[in-house]
Amino acid sequence: MKKYILNILAVLCVSASSICADAMPSQDQAFATERLENETATVSPVSTGISLSVKADKTERFYIFSITGQLVKTVDVEAGSVQSVELPRGCYIVKCSYWSKKVMVK
């Protein structure tokens, strides 16, 4: 039963992200991309998990939550560096002091 509910949540997660991306006008997409490039902390999916980077002058703490809300990992990334975090396949919510973002590891 638990696996069935998690599969439904994963499908809803993917559906919601594609609907939001399709609903955004092209000029807003350009603004969103520019804004993301100027952020001091970023997250991006990689083949084995996620990559966290910090462009600021101080260490940033990232919290990685499962889609069910459980804290999976806490990662401190040094200023001006990039760190990879290995995660199993699934949807995650990554939070730092600036933002919270949903990331899908495939």
PDB file of N, CA and C in Angstrom:
ATOM      1  N   MET A   1       0.822  -1.193   0.000  1.00  0.00           N
ATOM      2  CA  MET A   1       0.000   0.000   0.000  1.00  0.00           C
ATOM      3  C   MET A   1       0.868   1.260   0.000  1.00  0.00           C
ATOM      4  N   LYS A   2       1.949   1.218   0.806  1.00  0.00           N
ATOM      5  CA  LYS A   2       2.837   2.370   0.891  1.00  0.00           C
ATOM      6  C   LYS A   2       3.498   2.660  -0.458  1.00  0.00           C
ATOM      7  N   LYS A   3       3.944   1.598  -1.163  1.00  0.00           N
ATOM      8  CA  LYS A   3       4.564   1.781  -2.481  1.00  0.00           C
ATOM      9  C   LYS A   3       3.562   2.360  -3.470  1.00  0.00           C
ATOM     10  N   TYR A   4       2.312   1.926  -3.388  1.00  0.00           N
ATOM     11  CA  TYR A   4       1.265   2.427  -4.268  1.00  0.00           C
ATOM     12  C   TYR A   4       1.053   3.924  -4.050  1.00  0.00           C
ATOM     13  N   ILE A   5       1.006   4.361  -2.812  1.00  0.00           N
ATOM     14  CA  ILE A   5       0.817   5.783  -2.499  1.00  0.00           C
ATOM     15  C   ILE A   5       2.029   6.590  -2.965  1.00  0.00           C
ATOM     16  N   LEU A   6       3.243   6.064  -2.754  1.00  0.00           N
ATOM     17  CA  LEU A   6       4.447   6.779  -3.192  1.00  0.00           C
ATOM     18  C   LEU A   6       4.490   6.909  -4.712  1.00  0.00           C
ATOM     19  N   ASN A   7       4.038   5.867  -5.436  1.00  0.00           N
ATOM     20  CA  ASN A   7       3.990   5.947  -6.896  1.00  0.00           C
ATOM     21  C   ASN A   7       3.002   7.015  -7.348  1.00  0.00           C
ATOM     22  N   ILE A   8       1.866   7.098  -6.693  1.00  0.00           N
ATOM     23  CA  ILE A   8       0.878   8.125  -7.035  1.00  0.00           C
ATOM     24  C   ILE A   8       1.453   9.518  -6.780  1.00  0.00           C
ATOM     25  N   LEU A   9       2.135   9.699  -5.646  1.00  0.00           N
ATOM     26  CA  LEU A   9       2.740  10.993  -5.345  1.00  0.00           C
ATOM     27  C   LEU A   9       3.804  11.364  -6.378  1.00  0.00           C
ATOM     28  N   ALA A  10       4.595  10.392  -6.811  1.00  0.00           N
ATOM     29  CA  ALA A  10       5.630  10.655  -7.818  1.00  0.00           C
ATOM     30  C   ALA A  10       4.999  11.085  -9.135  1.00  0.00           C
ATOM     31  N   VAL A  11       3.905  10.430  -9.537  1.00  0.00           N
ATOM     32  CA  VAL A  11       3.215  10.801 -10.780  1.00  0.00           C
ATOM     33  C   VAL A  11       2.636  12.202 -10.658  1.00  0.00           C
ATOM     34  N   LEU A  12       2.043  12.518  -9.517  1.00  0.00           N
ATOM     35  CA  LEU A  12       1.501  13.863  -9.307  1.00  0.00           C
ATOM     36  C   LEU A  12       2.602  14.908  -9.329  1.00  0.00           C
ATOM     37  N   CYS A  13       3.758  14.564  -8.787  1.00  0.00           N
ATOM     38  CA  CYS A  13       4.900  15.466  -8.761  1.00  0.00           C
ATOM     39  C   CYS A  13       5.336  15.813 -10.185  1.00  0.00           C
ATOM     40  N   VAL A  14       5.453  14.798 -11.023  1.00  0.00           N
ATOM     41  CA  VAL A  14       5.869  14.996 -12.416  1.00  0.00           C
ATOM     42  C   VAL A  14       4.800  15.773 -13.176  1.00  0.00           C
ATOM     43  N   SER A  15       3.540  15.439 -12.976  1.00  0.00           N
ATOM     44  CA  SER A  15       2.453  16.121 -13.673  1.00  0.00           C
ATOM     45  C   SER A  15       2.403  17.592 -13.315  1.00  0.00           C
ATOM     46  N   ALA A  16       2.544  17.893 -12.037  1.00  0.00           N
ATOM     47  CA  ALA A  16       2.482  19.287 -11.589  1.00  0.00           C
ATOM     48  C   ALA A  16       3.627  20.099 -12.160  1.00  0.00           C
ATOM     49  N   SER A  17       4.823  19.528 -12.232  1.00  0.00           N
ATOM     50  CA  SER A  17       5.957  20.283 -12.756  1.00  0.00           C
ATOM     51  C   SER A  17       5.802  20.545 -14.243  1.00  0.00           C
ATOM     52  N   SER A  18       5.258  19.595 -15.005  1.00  0.00           N
ATOM     53  CA  SER A  18       5.093  19.816 -16.435  1.00  0.00           C
ATOM     54  C   SER A  18       3.969  20.810 -16.708  1.00  0.00           C
ATOM     55  N   ILE A  19       2.916  20.802 -15.898  1.00  0.00           N
ATOM     56  CA  ILE A  19       1.825  21.760 -16.065  1.00  0.00           C
ATOM     57  C   ILE A  19       2.319  23.162 -15.778  1.00  0.00           C
ATOM     58  N   CYS A  20       3.100  23.335 -14.704  1.00  0.00           N
ATOM     59  CA  CYS A  20       3.631  24.658 -14.365  1.00  0.00           C
ATOM     60  C   CYS A  20       4.565  25.169 -15.452  1.00  0.00           C
ATOM     61  N   ALA A  21       5.394  24.303 -16.006  1.00  0.00           N
ATOM     62  CA  ALA A  21       6.337  24.718 -17.047  1.00  0.00           C
ATOM     63  C   ALA A  21       5.600  25.120 -18.314  1.00  0.00           C
ATOM     64  N   ASP A  22       4.517  24.408 -18.670  1.00  0.00           N
ATOM     65  CA  ASP A  22       3.766  24.727 -19.868  1.00  0.00           C
ATOM     66  C   ASP A  22       2.958  26.010 -19.710  1.00  0.00           C
ATOM     67  N   ALA A  23       2.558  26.338 -18.504  1.00  0.00           N
ATOM     68  CA  ALA A  23       1.707  27.501 -18.271  1.00  0.00           C
ATOM     69  C   ALA A  23       2.495  28.801 -18.244  1.00  0.00           C
ATOM     70  N   MET A  24       3.806  28.743 -18.102  1.00  0.00           N
ATOM     71  CA  MET A  24       4.615  29.944 -17.983  1.00  0.00           C
ATOM     72  C   MET A  24       4.909  30.540 -19.370  1.00  0.00           C
ATOM     73  N   PRO A  25       4.600  31.817 -19.607  1.00  0.00           N
ATOM     74  CA  PRO A  25       4.912  32.444 -20.889  1.00  0.00           C
ATOM     75  C   PRO A  25       6.420  32.506 -21.128  1.00  0.00           C
ATOM     76  N   SER A  26       6.807  32.632 -22.397  1.00  0.00           N
ATOM     77  CA  SER A  26       8.224  32.566 -22.752  1.00  0.00           C
ATOM     78  C   SER A  26       9.040  33.699 -22.138  1.00  0.00           C
ATOM     79  N   GLN A  27       8.508  34.917 -22.043  1.00  0.00           N
ATOM     80  CA  GLN A  27       9.285  36.007 -21.462  1.00  0.00           C
ATOM     81  C   GLN A  27       9.519  35.766 -19.969  1.00  0.00           C
ATOM     82  N   ASP A  28       8.572  35.124 -19.292  1.00  0.00           N
ATOM     83  CA  ASP A  28       8.761  34.783 -17.887  1.00  0.00           C
ATOM     84  C   ASP A  28       9.796  33.679 -17.739  1.00  0.00           C
ATOM     85  N   GLN A  29       9.864  32.767 -18.703  1.00  0.00           N
ATOM     86  CA  GLN A  29      10.861  31.704 -18.642  1.00  0.00           C
ATOM     87  C   GLN A  29      12.262  32.288 -18.731  1.00  0.00           C
ATOM     88  N   ALA A  30      12.448  33.281 -19.592  1.00  0.00           N
ATOM     89  CA  ALA A  30      13.752  33.925 -19.716  1.00  0.00           C
ATOM     90  C   ALA A  30      14.116  34.609 -18.407  1.00  0.00           C
ATOM     91  N   PHE A  31      13.143  35.285 -17.781  1.00  0.00           N
ATOM     92  CA  PHE A  31      13.389  35.956 -16.503  1.00  0.00           C
ATOM     93  C   PHE A  31      13.727  34.940 -15.423  1.00  0.00           C
ATOM     94  N   ALA A  32      12.995  33.824 -15.385  1.00  0.00           N
ATOM     95  CA  ALA A  32      13.238  32.791 -14.379  1.00  0.00           C
ATOM     96  C   ALA A  32      14.632  32.203 -14.549  1.00  0.00           C
ATOM     97  N   THR A  33      15.064  31.963 -15.778  1.00  0.00           N
ATOM     98  CA  THR A  33      16.392  31.417 -16.031  1.00  0.00           C
ATOM     99  C   THR A  33      17.465  32.399 -15.589  1.00  0.00           C
ATOM    100  N   GLU A  34      17.271  33.669 -15.902  1.00  0.00           N
ATOM    101  CA  GLU A  34      18.237  34.690 -15.510  1.00  0.00           C
ATOM    102  C   GLU A  34      18.319  34.787 -13.990  1.00  0.00           C
ATOM    103  N   ARG A  35      17.169  34.747 -13.335  1.00  0.00           N
ATOM    104  CA  ARG A  35      17.137  34.847 -11.889  1.00  0.00           C
ATOM    105  C   ARG A  35      17.853  33.648 -11.254  1.00  0.00           C
ATOM    106  N   LEU A  36      17.654  32.446 -11.807  1.00  0.00           N
ATOM    107  CA  LEU A  36      18.309  31.256 -11.275  1.00  0.00           C
ATOM    108  C   LEU A  36      19.819  31.327 -11.441  1.00  0.00           C
ATOM    109  N   GLU A  37      20.293  31.899 -12.541  1.00  0.00           N
ATOM    110  CA  GLU A  37      21.730  31.998 -12.779  1.00  0.00           C
ATOM    111  C   GLU A  37      22.394  32.949 -11.788  1.00  0.00           C
ATOM    112  N   ASN A  38      21.635  33.918 -11.267  1.00  0.00           N
ATOM    113  CA  ASN A  38      22.195  34.891 -10.343  1.00  0.00           C
ATOM    114  C   ASN A  38      22.058  34.474  -8.881  1.00  0.00           C
ATOM    115  N   GLU A  39      21.455  33.332  -8.609  1.00  0.00           N
ATOM    116  CA  GLU A  39      21.296  32.885  -7.232  1.00  0.00           C
ATOM    117  C   GLU A  39      22.640  32.483  -6.640  1.00  0.00           C
ATOM    118  N   THR A  40      22.760  32.639  -5.345  1.00  0.00           N
ATOM    119  CA  THR A  40      24.011  32.300  -4.684  1.00  0.00           C
ATOM    120  C   THR A  40      24.114  30.823  -4.356  1.00  0.00           C
ATOM    121  N   ALA A  41      22.992  30.117  -4.318  1.00  0.00           N
ATOM    122  CA  ALA A  41      22.995  28.673  -4.062  1.00  0.00           C
ATOM    123  C   ALA A  41      22.130  28.003  -5.121  1.00  0.00           C
ATOM    124  N   THR A  42      22.638  26.913  -5.710  1.00  0.00           N
ATOM    125  CA  THR A  42      21.885  26.230  -6.763  1.00  0.00           C
ATOM    126  C   THR A  42      21.877  24.727  -6.537  1.00  0.00           C
ATOM    127  N   VAL A  43      20.864  24.088  -7.116  1.00  0.00           N
ATOM    128  CA  VAL A  43      20.755  22.633  -7.082  1.00  0.00           C
ATOM    129  C   VAL A  43      20.449  22.160  -8.492  1.00  0.00           C
ATOM    130  N   SER A  44      21.044  21.045  -8.901  1.00  0.00           N
ATOM    131  CA  SER A  44      20.747  20.476 -10.213  1.00  0.00           C
ATOM    132  C   SER A  44      20.860  18.961 -10.135  1.00  0.00           C
ATOM    133  N   PRO A  45      19.982  18.268 -10.873  1.00  0.00           N
ATOM    134  CA  PRO A  45      20.054  16.797 -10.863  1.00  0.00           C
ATOM    135  C   PRO A  45      21.239  16.309 -11.686  1.00  0.00           C
ATOM    136  N   VAL A  46      21.867  15.239 -11.221  1.00  0.00           N
ATOM    137  CA  VAL A  46      22.919  14.545 -11.957  1.00  0.00           C
ATOM    138  C   VAL A  46      22.548  13.065 -11.980  1.00  0.00           C
ATOM    139  N   SER A  47      23.309  12.255 -12.689  1.00  0.00           N
ATOM    140  CA  SER A  47      22.936  10.855 -12.885  1.00  0.00           C
ATOM    141  C   SER A  47      22.854  10.053 -11.585  1.00  0.00           C
ATOM    142  N   THR A  48      23.641  10.389 -10.590  1.00  0.00           N
ATOM    143  CA  THR A  48      23.651   9.617  -9.346  1.00  0.00           C
ATOM    144  C   THR A  48      22.929  10.295  -8.191  1.00  0.00           C
ATOM    145  N   GLY A  49      22.371  11.465  -8.403  1.00  0.00           N
ATOM    146  CA  GLY A  49      21.696  12.192  -7.324  1.00  0.00           C
ATOM    147  C   GLY A  49      21.529  13.649  -7.686  1.00  0.00           C
ATOM    148  N   ILE A  50      22.093  14.543  -6.846  1.00  0.00           N
ATOM    149  CA  ILE A  50      22.002  15.979  -7.108  1.00  0.00           C
ATOM    150  C   ILE A  50      23.366  16.628  -6.894  1.00  0.00           C
ATOM    151  N   SER A  51      23.510  17.807  -7.485  1.00  0.00           N
ATOM    152  CA  SER A  51      24.710  18.602  -7.322  1.00  0.00           C
ATOM    153  C   SER A  51      24.311  19.922  -6.659  1.00  0.00           C
ATOM    154  N   LEU A  52      24.986  20.287  -5.580  1.00  0.00           N
ATOM    155  CA  LEU A  52      24.719  21.511  -4.846  1.00  0.00           C
ATOM    156  C   LEU A  52      25.912  22.444  -5.003  1.00  0.00           C
ATOM    157  N   SER A  53      25.647  23.707  -5.308  1.00  0.00           N
ATOM    158  CA  SER A  53      26.753  24.653  -5.434  1.00  0.00           C
ATOM    159  C   SER A  53      26.425  25.944  -4.704  1.00  0.00           C
ATOM    160  N   VAL A  54      27.488  26.604  -4.218  1.00  0.00           N
ATOM    161  CA  VAL A  54      27.345  27.861  -3.478  1.00  0.00           C
ATOM    162  C   VAL A  54      28.303  28.875  -4.081  1.00  0.00           C
ATOM    163  N   LYS A  55      27.761  30.021  -4.493  1.00  0.00           N
ATOM    164  CA  LYS A  55      28.582  31.091  -5.054  1.00  0.00           C
ATOM    165  C   LYS A  55      28.816  32.212  -4.047  1.00  0.00           C
ATOM    166  N   ALA A  56      28.210  32.121  -2.871  1.00  0.00           N
ATOM    167  CA  ALA A  56      28.290  33.168  -1.857  1.00  0.00           C
ATOM    168  C   ALA A  56      29.624  33.105  -1.110  1.00  0.00           C
ATOM    169  N   ASP A  57      29.796  34.005  -0.161  1.00  0.00           N
ATOM    170  CA  ASP A  57      31.027  34.088   0.622  1.00  0.00           C
ATOM    171  C   ASP A  57      30.975  33.270   1.902  1.00  0.00           C
ATOM    172  N   LYS A  58      29.874  32.560   2.137  1.00  0.00           N
ATOM    173  CA  LYS A  58      29.763  31.785   3.369  1.00  0.00           C
ATOM    174  C   LYS A  58      29.249  30.379   3.066  1.00  0.00           C
ATOM    175  N   THR A  59      29.465  29.474   3.989  1.00  0.00           N
ATOM    176  CA  THR A  59      28.983  28.103   3.863  1.00  0.00           C
ATOM    177  C   THR A  59      27.462  28.094   3.922  1.00  0.00           C
ATOM    178  N   GLU A  60      26.851  27.279   3.093  1.00  0.00           N
ATOM    179  CA  GLU A  60      25.386  27.174   3.035  1.00  0.00           C
ATOM    180  C   GLU A  60      24.970  25.766   3.450  1.00  0.00           C
ATOM    181  N   ARG A  61      23.930  25.675   4.263  1.00  0.00           N
ATOM    182  CA  ARG A  61      23.396  24.378   4.686  1.00  0.00           C
ATOM    183  C   ARG A  61      22.163  24.055   3.855  1.00  0.00           C
ATOM    184  N   PHE A  62      22.173  22.868   3.257  1.00  0.00           N
ATOM    185  CA  PHE A  62      21.056  22.374   2.464  1.00  0.00           C
ATOM    186  C   PHE A  62      20.369  21.248   3.222  1.00  0.00           C
ATOM    187  N   TYR A  63      19.036  21.258   3.197  1.00  0.00           N
ATOM    188  CA  TYR A  63      18.234  20.194   3.782  1.00  0.00           C
ATOM    189  C   TYR A  63      17.556  19.462   2.635  1.00  0.00           C
ATOM    190  N   ILE A  64      17.668  18.147   2.601  1.00  0.00           N
ATOM    191  CA  ILE A  64      17.063  17.339   1.542  1.00  0.00           C
ATOM    192  C   ILE A  64      15.967  16.488   2.181  1.00  0.00           C
ATOM    193  N   PHE A  65      14.728  16.696   1.704  1.00  0.00           N
ATOM    194  CA  PHE A  65      13.566  15.988   2.224  1.00  0.00           C
ATOM    195  C   PHE A  65      13.022  15.043   1.167  1.00  0.00           C
ATOM    196  N   SER A  66      12.484  13.907   1.615  1.00  0.00           N
ATOM    197  CA  SER A  66      11.769  13.023   0.689  1.00  0.00           C
ATOM    198  C   SER A  66      10.432  13.674   0.376  1.00  0.00           C
ATOM    199  N   ILE A  67       9.737  13.148  -0.612  1.00  0.00           N
ATOM    200  CA  ILE A  67       8.448  13.718  -1.001  1.00  0.00           C
ATOM    201  C   ILE A  67       7.413  13.535   0.114  1.00  0.00           C
ATOM    202  N   THR A  68       7.674  12.605   1.038  1.00  0.00           N
ATOM    203  CA  THR A  68       6.761  12.386   2.167  1.00  0.00           C
ATOM    204  C   THR A  68       7.055  13.326   3.330  1.00  0.00           C
ATOM    205  N   GLY A  69       8.118  14.121   3.212  1.00  0.00           N
ATOM    206  CA  GLY A  69       8.434  15.109   4.239  1.00  0.00           C
ATOM    207  C   GLY A  69       9.500  14.679   5.224  1.00  0.00           C
ATOM    208  N   GLN A  70      10.060  13.483   5.070  1.00  0.00           N
ATOM    209  CA  GLN A  70      11.115  13.030   5.964  1.00  0.00           C
ATOM    210  C   GLN A  70      12.439  13.670   5.580  1.00  0.00           C
ATOM    211  N   LEU A  71      13.197  14.108   6.569  1.00  0.00           N
ATOM    212  CA  LEU A  71      14.529  14.645   6.322  1.00  0.00           C
ATOM    213  C   LEU A  71      15.446  13.496   5.935  1.00  0.00           C
ATOM    214  N   VAL A  72      16.007  13.567   4.722  1.00  0.00           N
ATOM    215  CA  VAL A  72      16.884  12.502   4.209  1.00  0.00           C
ATOM    216  C   VAL A  72      18.336  12.806   4.543  1.00  0.00           C
ATOM    217  N   LYS A  73      18.768  14.040   4.259  1.00  0.00           N
ATOM    218  CA  LYS A  73      20.163  14.428   4.502  1.00  0.00           C
ATOM    219  C   LYS A  73      20.241  15.911   4.798  1.00  0.00           C
ATOM    220  N   THR A  74      21.274  16.280   5.530  1.00  0.00           N
ATOM    221  CA  THR A  74      21.653  17.678   5.733  1.00  0.00           C
ATOM    222  C   THR A  74      23.080  17.799   5.227  1.00  0.00           C
ATOM    223  N   VAL A  75      23.315  18.753   4.329  1.00  0.00           N
ATOM    224  CA  VAL A  75      24.627  18.884   3.694  1.00  0.00           C
ATOM    225  C   VAL A  75      25.107  20.321   3.822  1.00  0.00           C
ATOM    226  N   ASP A  76      26.333  20.510   4.305  1.00  0.00           N
ATOM    227  CA  ASP A  76      26.966  21.824   4.348  1.00  0.00           C
ATOM    228  C   ASP A  76      27.919  21.927   3.165  1.00  0.00           C
ATOM    229  N   VAL A  77      27.742  22.986   2.362  1.00  0.00           N
ATOM    230  CA  VAL A  77      28.588  23.203   1.185  1.00  0.00           C
ATOM    231  C   VAL A  77      29.407  24.461   1.431  1.00  0.00           C
ATOM    232  N   GLU A  78      30.704  24.330   1.298  1.00  0.00           N
ATOM    233  CA  GLU A  78      31.625  25.449   1.504  1.00  0.00           C
ATOM    234  C   GLU A  78      31.384  26.551   0.466  1.00  0.00           C
ATOM    235  N   ALA A  79      31.718  27.768   0.812  1.00  0.00           N
ATOM    236  CA  ALA A  79      31.578  28.903  -0.091  1.00  0.00           C
ATOM    237  C   ALA A  79      32.419  28.691  -1.347  1.00  0.00           C
ATOM    238  N   GLY A  80      31.820  28.947  -2.508  1.00  0.00           N
ATOM    239  CA  GLY A  80      32.526  28.841  -3.773  1.00  0.00           C
ATOM    240  C   GLY A  80      32.807  27.427  -4.230  1.00  0.00           C
ATOM    241  N   SER A  81      32.071  26.448  -3.732  1.00  0.00           N
ATOM    242  CA  SER A  81      32.343  25.072  -4.129  1.00  0.00           C
ATOM    243  C   SER A  81      31.075  24.354  -4.579  1.00  0.00           C
ATOM    244  N   VAL A  82      31.290  23.164  -5.139  1.00  0.00           N
ATOM    245  CA  VAL A  82      30.201  22.310  -5.630  1.00  0.00           C
ATOM    246  C   VAL A  82      30.344  20.958  -4.941  1.00  0.00           C
ATOM    247  N   GLN A  83      29.210  20.389  -4.514  1.00  0.00           N
ATOM    248  CA  GLN A  83      29.237  19.086  -3.860  1.00  0.00           C
ATOM    249  C   GLN A  83      28.141  18.202  -4.435  1.00  0.00           C
ATOM    250  N   SER A  84      28.496  16.963  -4.749  1.00  0.00           N
ATOM    251  CA  SER A  84      27.522  15.986  -5.235  1.00  0.00           C
ATOM    252  C   SER A  84      26.989  15.180  -4.064  1.00  0.00           C
ATOM    253  N   VAL A  85      25.694  14.878  -4.134  1.00  0.00           N
ATOM    254  CA  VAL A  85      25.041  14.078  -3.102  1.00  0.00           C
ATOM    255  C   VAL A  85      24.373  12.899  -3.801  1.00  0.00           C
ATOM    256  N   GLU A  86      24.751  11.684  -3.432  1.00  0.00           N
ATOM    257  CA  GLU A  86      24.144  10.494  -4.028  1.00  0.00           C
ATOM    258  C   GLU A  86      22.798  10.238  -3.378  1.00  0.00           C
ATOM    259  N   LEU A  87      21.774  10.066  -4.219  1.00  0.00           N
ATOM    260  CA  LEU A  87      20.418   9.800  -3.747  1.00  0.00           C
ATOM    261  C   LEU A  87      19.783   8.733  -4.612  1.00  0.00           C
ATOM    262  N   PRO A  88      18.909   7.909  -4.031  1.00  0.00           N
ATOM    263  CA  PRO A  88      18.162   6.959  -4.857  1.00  0.00           C
ATOM    264  C   PRO A  88      17.155   7.688  -5.736  1.00  0.00           C
ATOM    265  N   ARG A  89      16.688   7.018  -6.740  1.00  0.00           N
ATOM    266  CA  ARG A  89      15.713   7.579  -7.670  1.00  0.00           C
ATOM    267  C   ARG A  89      14.460   8.028  -6.919  1.00  0.00           C
ATOM    268  N   GLY A  90      13.921   9.221  -7.299  1.00  0.00           N
ATOM    269  CA  GLY A  90      12.695   9.702  -6.673  1.00  0.00           C
ATOM    270  C   GLY A  90      12.600  11.210  -6.677  1.00  0.00           C
ATOM    271  N   CYS A  91      11.553  11.728  -6.043  1.00  0.00           N
ATOM    272  CA  CYS A  91      11.318  13.172  -5.910  1.00  0.00           C
ATOM    273  C   CYS A  91      11.833  13.637  -4.557  1.00  0.00           C
ATOM    274  N   TYR A  92      12.492  14.780  -4.545  1.00  0.00           N
ATOM    275  CA  TYR A  92      13.025  15.354  -3.315  1.00  0.00           C
ATOM    276  C   TYR A  92      12.727  16.836  -3.267  1.00  0.00           C
ATOM    277  N   ILE A  93      12.692  17.368  -2.067  1.00  0.00           N
ATOM    278  CA  ILE A  93      12.577  18.806  -1.869  1.00  0.00           C
ATOM    279  C   ILE A  93      13.874  19.240  -1.218  1.00  0.00           C
ATOM    280  N   VAL A  94      14.565  20.173  -1.857  1.00  0.00           N
ATOM    281  CA  VAL A  94      15.837  20.683  -1.351  1.00  0.00           C
ATOM    282  C   VAL A  94      15.585  22.098  -0.845  1.00  0.00           C
ATOM    283  N   LYS A  95      16.023  22.369   0.375  1.00  0.00           N
ATOM    284  CA  LYS A  95      15.780  23.668   1.000  1.00  0.00           C
ATOM    285  C   LYS A  95      17.099  24.248   1.479  1.00  0.00           C
ATOM    286  N   CYS A  96      17.279  25.541   1.236  1.00  0.00           N
ATOM    287  CA  CYS A  96      18.403  26.271   1.814  1.00  0.00           C
ATOM    288  C   CYS A  96      17.836  27.560   2.402  1.00  0.00           C
ATOM    289  N   SER A  97      18.678  28.478   2.815  1.00  0.00           N
ATOM    290  CA  SER A  97      18.166  29.699   3.439  1.00  0.00           C
ATOM    291  C   SER A  97      17.514  30.652   2.431  1.00  0.00           C
ATOM    292  N   TYR A  98      17.751  30.453   1.133  1.00  0.00           N
ATOM    293  CA  TYR A  98      17.216  31.345   0.108  1.00  0.00           C
ATOM    294  C   TYR A  98      15.946  30.832  -0.551  1.00  0.00           C
ATOM    295  N   TRP A  99      15.806  29.511  -0.689  1.00  0.00           N
ATOM    296  CA  TRP A  99      14.714  28.937  -1.462  1.00  0.00           C
ATOM    297  C   TRP A  99      14.447  27.499  -1.069  1.00  0.00           C
ATOM    298  N   SER A 100      13.348  26.963  -1.595  1.00  0.00           N
ATOM    299  CA  SER A 100      13.022  25.538  -1.533  1.00  0.00           C
ATOM    300  C   SER A 100      12.660  25.107  -2.944  1.00  0.00           C
ATOM    301  N   LYS A 101      13.211  23.980  -3.405  1.00  0.00           N
ATOM    302  CA  LYS A 101      12.961  23.527  -4.770  1.00  0.00           C
ATOM    303  C   LYS A 101      12.710  22.032  -4.806  1.00  0.00           C
ATOM    304  N   LYS A 102      11.889  21.626  -5.747  1.00  0.00           N
ATOM    305  CA  LYS A 102      11.625  20.222  -5.978  1.00  0.00           C
ATOM    306  C   LYS A 102      12.614  19.716  -7.021  1.00  0.00           C
ATOM    307  N   VAL A 103      13.214  18.557  -6.769  1.00  0.00           N
ATOM    308  CA  VAL A 103      14.183  17.969  -7.682  1.00  0.00           C
ATOM    309  C   VAL A 103      13.805  16.516  -7.892  1.00  0.00           C
ATOM    310  N   MET A 104      13.875  16.067  -9.138  1.00  0.00           N
ATOM    311  CA  MET A 104      13.574  14.677  -9.440  1.00  0.00           C
ATOM    312  C   MET A 104      14.860  13.980  -9.875  1.00  0.00           C
ATOM    313  N   VAL A 105      15.220  12.926  -9.168  1.00  0.00           N
ATOM    314  CA  VAL A 105      16.394  12.120  -9.513  1.00  0.00           C
ATOM    315  C   VAL A 105      15.902  10.935 -10.319  1.00  0.00           C
ATOM    316  N   LYS A 106      16.410  10.790 -11.550  1.00  0.00           N
ATOM    317  CA  LYS A 106      15.951   9.718 -12.442  1.00  0.00           C
ATOM    318  C   LYS A 106      16.950   8.600 -12.507  1.00  0.00           C
TER     319      LYS A 106
END
